[in-house]
N, C-alpha and C. Protein backbone atom coordinates (compact mmCIF):
# COMPACT_ATOMS: atom_id res chain seq x y z
N UNK A 1 0.81 -1.22 0.00
CA UNK A 1 0.00 0.01 -0.01
C UNK A 1 0.86 1.28 0.00
N UNK A 2 1.88 1.37 0.85
CA UNK A 2 2.70 2.59 0.81
C UNK A 2 3.41 2.78 -0.53
N UNK A 3 3.78 1.67 -1.17
CA UNK A 3 4.45 1.79 -2.47
C UNK A 3 3.48 2.34 -3.52
N UNK A 4 2.22 1.93 -3.46
CA UNK A 4 1.23 2.44 -4.42
C UNK A 4 1.02 3.93 -4.19
N UNK A 5 0.98 4.37 -2.94
CA UNK A 5 0.84 5.79 -2.66
C UNK A 5 2.04 6.58 -3.14
N UNK A 6 3.22 6.02 -2.96
CA UNK A 6 4.43 6.67 -3.44
C UNK A 6 4.41 6.81 -4.95
N UNK A 7 4.03 5.75 -5.66
CA UNK A 7 3.98 5.81 -7.11
C UNK A 7 2.91 6.79 -7.59
N UNK A 8 1.77 6.83 -6.89
CA UNK A 8 0.72 7.79 -7.27
C UNK A 8 1.21 9.23 -7.04
N UNK A 9 1.93 9.45 -5.95
CA UNK A 9 2.47 10.77 -5.67
C UNK A 9 3.52 11.19 -6.70
N UNK A 10 4.38 10.27 -7.05
CA UNK A 10 5.40 10.58 -8.08
C UNK A 10 4.75 10.85 -9.43
N UNK A 11 3.73 10.09 -9.77
CA UNK A 11 3.03 10.30 -11.03
C UNK A 11 2.35 11.67 -11.04
N UNK A 12 1.70 12.03 -9.95
CA UNK A 12 1.05 13.33 -9.83
C UNK A 12 2.05 14.47 -9.92
N UNK A 13 3.18 14.32 -9.27
CA UNK A 13 4.22 15.35 -9.31
C UNK A 13 4.78 15.48 -10.73
N UNK A 14 4.96 14.37 -11.42
CA UNK A 14 5.46 14.42 -12.79
C UNK A 14 4.47 15.10 -13.72
N UNK A 15 3.18 14.82 -13.52
CA UNK A 15 2.15 15.47 -14.35
C UNK A 15 2.11 16.96 -14.08
N UNK A 16 2.21 17.34 -12.82
CA UNK A 16 2.21 18.77 -12.46
C UNK A 16 3.42 19.48 -13.06
N UNK A 17 4.58 18.86 -12.97
CA UNK A 17 5.81 19.44 -13.50
C UNK A 17 5.71 19.57 -15.02
N UNK A 18 5.21 18.55 -15.68
CA UNK A 18 5.06 18.60 -17.14
C UNK A 18 4.09 19.68 -17.56
N UNK A 19 2.98 19.83 -16.83
CA UNK A 19 2.00 20.85 -17.15
C UNK A 19 2.59 22.24 -16.97
N UNK A 20 3.40 22.41 -15.94
CA UNK A 20 3.99 23.73 -15.70
C UNK A 20 5.05 24.07 -16.75
N UNK A 21 5.58 23.08 -17.44
CA UNK A 21 6.55 23.34 -18.50
C UNK A 21 5.83 23.65 -19.83
N UNK A 22 4.71 23.01 -20.09
CA UNK A 22 4.04 23.14 -21.38
C UNK A 22 3.18 24.40 -21.43
N UNK A 23 2.47 24.72 -20.37
CA UNK A 23 1.50 25.81 -20.40
C UNK A 23 2.11 27.16 -20.76
N UNK A 24 3.21 27.60 -20.16
CA UNK A 24 3.78 28.89 -20.56
C UNK A 24 4.22 28.92 -22.03
N UNK A 25 4.74 27.82 -22.54
CA UNK A 25 5.17 27.79 -23.93
C UNK A 25 3.99 27.95 -24.88
N UNK A 26 2.87 27.31 -24.56
CA UNK A 26 1.67 27.43 -25.39
C UNK A 26 1.15 28.87 -25.33
N UNK A 27 1.18 29.47 -24.15
CA UNK A 27 0.71 30.85 -24.01
C UNK A 27 1.55 31.81 -24.83
N UNK A 28 2.86 31.64 -24.81
CA UNK A 28 3.75 32.52 -25.57
C UNK A 28 3.54 32.31 -27.06
N UNK A 29 3.40 31.07 -27.50
CA UNK A 29 3.18 30.83 -28.92
C UNK A 29 1.88 31.43 -29.42
N UNK A 30 0.81 31.33 -28.63
CA UNK A 30 -0.45 31.92 -29.06
C UNK A 30 -0.38 33.44 -29.06
N UNK A 31 0.37 34.03 -28.13
CA UNK A 31 0.53 35.48 -28.12
C UNK A 31 1.30 35.95 -29.34
N UNK A 32 2.33 35.22 -29.74
CA UNK A 32 3.12 35.59 -30.91
C UNK A 32 2.29 35.47 -32.18
N UNK A 33 1.46 34.44 -32.25
CA UNK A 33 0.58 34.30 -33.42
C UNK A 33 -0.43 35.45 -33.48
N UNK A 34 -0.89 35.93 -32.34
CA UNK A 34 -1.80 37.07 -32.30
C UNK A 34 -1.13 38.33 -32.79
N UNK A 35 0.15 38.51 -32.52
CA UNK A 35 0.87 39.70 -32.99
C UNK A 35 0.91 39.77 -34.50
N UNK A 36 1.06 38.62 -35.14
CA UNK A 36 1.11 38.62 -36.61
C UNK A 36 -0.24 38.99 -37.21
N UNK A 37 -1.34 38.75 -36.50
CA UNK A 37 -2.65 39.15 -37.00
C UNK A 37 -2.86 40.64 -36.85
N UNK A 38 -2.27 41.25 -35.84
CA UNK A 38 -2.44 42.68 -35.61
C UNK A 38 -1.60 43.46 -36.63
N UNK A 39 -0.35 43.08 -36.79
CA UNK A 39 0.53 43.80 -37.71
C UNK A 39 1.46 42.78 -38.37
N UNK A 40 1.46 42.71 -39.70
CA UNK A 40 2.36 41.76 -40.38
C UNK A 40 3.84 42.04 -40.14
N UNK A 41 4.19 43.23 -39.65
CA UNK A 41 5.58 43.55 -39.39
C UNK A 41 6.16 42.69 -38.30
N UNK A 42 5.32 42.23 -37.41
CA UNK A 42 5.79 41.38 -36.31
C UNK A 42 6.00 39.97 -36.82
C-alpha cells in the first residue's frame, strides 16, 4: 500500500511538472501568433 501511494504521488508530481513546462510555452506561442494578425511587421 505505501508503495502504491508513493507511485501515485510521483506520477502526480510528474504530471504537475510537465503541465507547468508546457502551459507557458503554449501561451507565448499563441501570443506571438496574435501579434502577426495585428501587424504583419511582427
